[in-house]
Amino acid sequence: MADNYDNAAWFYDSLSRVVFGKAIVNAQVYLLQYIQSASKILIVGGGTGWILETLTTLHPTKLKITYIEASSKMMAISAKRNIGANDVTFINSDVENIVLPSDFDVVITPFLFDNFSQPTAQKVFNHLNFGLKPDGLWLYVDFEPSGKLWQKLLLKTMHMFFRILCGIEASQLPDVKRLFKEQHYKVIHSKAFFGNFIKSVVYNRPR
């Protein structure tokens, strides 16, 4: 993948709060309640890493986390987060370049797939699907417009902004829901945020 958020690292969280208030954070925090103690977790595209501190509040020990982030500046911020007594491995790379084990209990992809074209989304999905063990949980959160004009305009603006600033390839959202359906994932829980513009979903990988 060519996209890299180094140029946005210093203001990314502040910008998201200006545009979305607490919705971006709340949509991710909602998913964390489904993580059990001593889980082996893969986080891909965690940005500035605030999610690590939230996880540490819920589980101050026994988590084994692999944290993958393509932006070196985002990673530098993430590496300074409080992780308690949890075991966190930081990897600064595109996830498809990493050889993953196939025994993760949980995969977390916070606003990852909105950066990709459909072919790249398929490639990344297949790679992560391999890493999640049968009956594991995929905690997915991303934009899912409900067809309202303001959502279409906001999404188009975001894609244009980050394509210019960070080189993302996407100009529209890939159909990730179809990818989960094709692999027979089951929706365990879901919740919408920000006027049904953001969707958090707990997917269960079939045995």
Protein backbone atom coordinates (compact mmCIF):
# COMPACT_ATOMS: atom_id res chain seq x y z
CA MET A 1 0.00 0.00 0.00
CA ALA A 2 1.23 3.49 -0.77
CA ASP A 3 -0.76 5.40 1.83
CA ASN A 4 1.01 6.75 4.88
CA TYR A 5 -0.34 8.99 7.61
CA ASP A 6 2.96 10.59 8.66
CA ASN A 7 1.76 13.97 7.40
CA ALA A 8 -1.37 13.78 9.55
CA ALA A 9 0.05 12.25 12.73
CA TRP A 10 0.37 15.50 14.66
CA PHE A 11 -3.23 16.63 14.14
CA TYR A 12 -5.19 13.48 13.28
CA ASP A 13 -6.88 12.96 16.66
CA SER A 14 -7.72 16.65 17.04
CA LEU A 15 -9.21 16.80 13.55
CA SER A 16 -11.39 13.75 14.19
CA ARG A 17 -12.75 15.37 17.37
CA VAL A 18 -13.54 18.59 15.51
CA VAL A 19 -15.45 16.74 12.78
CA PHE A 20 -16.96 13.82 14.68
CA GLY A 21 -16.88 14.83 18.33
CA LYS A 22 -16.48 11.70 20.45
CA ALA A 23 -18.06 9.38 17.88
CA ILE A 24 -14.77 8.04 16.47
CA VAL A 25 -13.57 7.16 19.96
CA ASN A 26 -16.89 5.88 21.25
CA ALA A 27 -17.35 3.59 18.24
CA GLN A 28 -14.04 1.90 19.01
CA VAL A 29 -14.45 1.80 22.78
CA TYR A 30 -17.83 0.10 22.33
CA LEU A 31 -16.07 -2.92 20.81
CA LEU A 32 -13.49 -3.39 23.56
CA GLN A 33 -15.99 -4.79 26.06
CA TYR A 34 -16.03 -8.02 24.04
CA ILE A 35 -12.35 -8.72 24.66
CA GLN A 36 -11.68 -11.30 27.35
CA SER A 37 -8.73 -11.47 29.72
CA ALA A 38 -5.50 -13.05 28.45
CA SER A 39 -6.53 -12.64 24.80
CA LYS A 40 -4.02 -12.60 21.96
CA ILE A 41 -4.91 -9.49 19.94
CA LEU A 42 -3.95 -8.09 16.56
CA ILE A 43 -4.53 -4.35 16.08
CA VAL A 44 -4.04 -3.03 12.56
CA GLY A 45 -4.03 0.69 11.79
CA GLY A 46 -4.31 1.87 15.38
CA GLY A 47 -3.13 5.38 14.58
CA THR A 48 -1.77 7.25 17.59
CA GLY A 49 -2.39 4.31 19.90
CA TRP A 50 -4.84 5.77 22.39
CA ILE A 51 -6.75 2.49 22.11
CA LEU A 52 -3.84 0.77 23.90
CA GLU A 53 -4.37 2.90 27.00
CA THR A 54 -8.11 2.20 26.95
CA LEU A 55 -7.41 -1.52 26.67
CA THR A 56 -4.98 -1.27 29.57
CA THR A 57 -7.68 0.32 31.70
CA LEU A 58 -9.92 -2.70 31.01
CA HIS A 59 -7.14 -5.30 31.16
CA PRO A 60 -3.99 -4.01 32.89
CA THR A 61 -2.19 -7.34 32.43
CA LYS A 62 -2.16 -10.67 30.53
CA LEU A 63 -3.00 -9.30 27.08
CA LYS A 64 -0.63 -10.19 24.26
CA ILE A 65 -0.96 -7.53 21.57
CA THR A 66 0.60 -7.22 18.12
CA TYR A 67 0.23 -3.60 17.06
CA ILE A 68 0.77 -2.88 13.36
CA GLU A 69 0.85 0.67 12.00
CA ALA A 70 2.25 1.82 8.64
CA SER A 71 3.00 5.40 9.71
CA SER A 72 6.31 5.75 11.58
CA LYS A 73 5.17 9.01 13.19
CA MET A 74 1.90 7.44 14.37
CA MET A 75 3.93 4.51 15.68
CA ALA A 76 6.29 6.80 17.60
CA ILE A 77 3.30 8.28 19.43
CA SER A 78 1.78 4.84 20.03
CA ALA A 79 5.00 3.46 21.53
CA LYS A 80 4.82 6.04 24.33
CA ARG A 81 1.38 4.91 25.51
CA ASN A 82 0.78 3.29 28.89
CA ILE A 83 0.39 -0.44 28.27
CA GLY A 84 0.49 -1.55 31.90
CA ALA A 85 1.84 -5.09 32.28
CA ASN A 86 0.54 -6.18 28.89
CA ASP A 87 2.88 -7.61 26.26
CA VAL A 88 2.81 -5.37 23.18
CA THR A 89 4.85 -5.92 20.02
CA PHE A 90 5.02 -2.81 17.83
CA ILE A 91 5.49 -3.34 14.10
CA ASN A 92 5.89 -0.36 11.76
CA SER A 93 4.83 -1.81 8.41
CA ASP A 94 1.95 -2.48 6.07
CA VAL A 95 0.15 -5.51 7.46
CA GLU A 96 0.25 -7.50 4.22
CA ASN A 97 4.06 -7.48 4.43
CA ILE A 98 3.98 -9.24 7.81
CA VAL A 99 3.87 -13.02 8.18
CA LEU A 100 1.08 -13.54 10.69
CA PRO A 101 0.51 -16.53 12.93
CA SER A 102 -2.98 -18.02 12.69
CA ASP A 103 -3.86 -18.00 16.38
CA PHE A 104 -5.15 -14.52 17.25
CA ASP A 105 -8.22 -14.50 19.49
CA VAL A 106 -9.17 -10.99 18.37
CA VAL A 107 -8.47 -8.82 15.33
CA ILE A 108 -9.20 -5.09 15.60
CA THR A 109 -9.35 -2.90 12.48
CA PRO A 110 -10.28 0.67 13.46
CA PHE A 111 -11.11 2.71 10.34
CA LEU A 112 -8.65 0.68 8.29
CA PHE A 113 -10.56 -0.42 5.21
CA ASP A 114 -11.84 3.02 4.19
CA ASN A 115 -8.31 3.69 2.88
CA PHE A 116 -8.41 0.88 0.32
CA SER A 117 -9.67 0.12 -3.13
CA GLN A 118 -11.69 -3.09 -3.43
CA PRO A 119 -8.75 -5.23 -4.64
CA THR A 120 -6.53 -4.05 -1.77
CA ALA A 121 -9.36 -4.53 0.73
CA GLN A 122 -9.75 -8.11 -0.50
CA LYS A 123 -6.02 -8.74 -0.12
CA VAL A 124 -5.83 -7.27 3.38
CA PHE A 125 -9.02 -9.04 4.46
CA ASN A 126 -7.70 -12.42 3.34
CA HIS A 127 -4.43 -11.81 5.18
CA LEU A 128 -6.18 -10.90 8.43
CA ASN A 129 -8.70 -13.69 8.06
CA PHE A 130 -5.78 -16.13 8.03
CA GLY A 131 -4.50 -14.67 11.29
CA LEU A 132 -7.77 -15.00 13.20
CA LYS A 133 -8.36 -18.41 14.69
CA PRO A 134 -11.70 -20.21 14.22
CA ASP A 135 -14.35 -18.85 16.60
CA GLY A 136 -12.23 -15.72 17.06
CA LEU A 137 -13.66 -12.19 17.10
CA TRP A 138 -13.07 -9.52 14.47
CA LEU A 139 -13.85 -6.10 15.95
CA TYR A 140 -14.61 -3.95 12.93
CA VAL A 141 -15.38 -0.25 12.90
CA ASP A 142 -15.56 2.02 9.88
CA PHE A 143 -17.74 4.39 7.92
CA GLU A 144 -20.95 2.93 6.53
CA PRO A 145 -23.10 5.67 4.99
CA SER A 146 -26.86 5.19 5.09
CA GLY A 147 -27.42 7.13 1.84
CA LYS A 148 -27.91 10.61 3.24
CA LEU A 149 -26.49 13.46 1.17
CA TRP A 150 -24.42 14.96 3.99
CA GLN A 151 -22.74 11.60 4.54
CA LYS A 152 -21.86 11.23 0.86
CA LEU A 153 -20.42 14.74 0.77
CA LEU A 154 -18.44 14.28 3.99
CA LEU A 155 -17.03 10.95 2.85
CA LYS A 156 -16.04 12.38 -0.53
CA THR A 157 -14.32 15.31 1.19
CA MET A 158 -12.43 13.01 3.56
CA HIS A 159 -11.24 10.75 0.77
CA MET A 160 -10.07 13.74 -1.27
CA PHE A 161 -8.29 15.31 1.72
CA PHE A 162 -6.40 12.19 2.75
CA ARG A 163 -5.65 11.18 -0.84
CA ILE A 164 -3.85 14.51 -1.32
CA LEU A 165 -2.21 14.64 2.11
CA CYS A 166 -1.43 10.98 2.79
CA GLY A 167 -1.68 9.29 -0.59
CA ILE A 168 -4.53 6.90 0.20
CA GLU A 169 -5.77 5.00 -2.84
CA ALA A 170 -9.49 4.96 -2.07
CA SER A 171 -12.01 7.28 -3.69
CA GLN A 172 -14.98 5.31 -2.35
CA LEU A 173 -15.60 2.72 0.33
CA PRO A 174 -14.86 -0.92 -0.49
CA ASP A 175 -17.60 -3.48 0.11
CA VAL A 176 -16.16 -5.07 3.25
CA LYS A 177 -19.53 -6.39 4.39
CA ARG A 178 -19.51 -8.68 1.35
CA LEU A 179 -16.06 -9.99 2.28
CA PHE A 180 -17.28 -11.01 5.73
CA LYS A 181 -20.36 -12.61 4.21
CA GLU A 182 -18.34 -14.63 1.72
CA GLN A 183 -16.31 -16.10 4.59
CA HIS A 184 -19.50 -16.86 6.56
CA TYR A 185 -18.76 -14.59 9.50
CA LYS A 186 -21.63 -14.08 11.94
CA VAL A 187 -22.59 -10.70 13.35
CA ILE A 188 -22.63 -11.00 17.14
CA HIS A 189 -23.26 -7.36 18.00
CA SER A 190 -23.38 -4.06 16.14
CA LYS A 191 -24.03 -0.42 16.90
CA ALA A 192 -24.27 2.74 14.79
CA PHE A 193 -22.81 6.14 15.67
CA PHE A 194 -22.87 9.69 14.32
CA GLY A 195 -26.24 9.56 12.63
CA ASN A 196 -25.70 6.03 11.31
CA PHE A 197 -22.54 7.13 9.50
CA ILE A 198 -20.18 4.98 11.60
CA LYS A 199 -20.76 1.29 12.25
CA SER A 200 -19.15 -0.90 14.91
CA VAL A 201 -19.54 -4.63 14.38
CA VAL A 202 -18.44 -7.68 16.36
CA TYR A 203 -17.91 -10.47 13.85
CA ASN A 204 -17.37 -14.11 14.82
CA ARG A 205 -15.26 -16.27 12.52
CA PRO A 206 -16.88 -19.67 11.92
CA ARG A 207 -15.24 -22.83 13.19
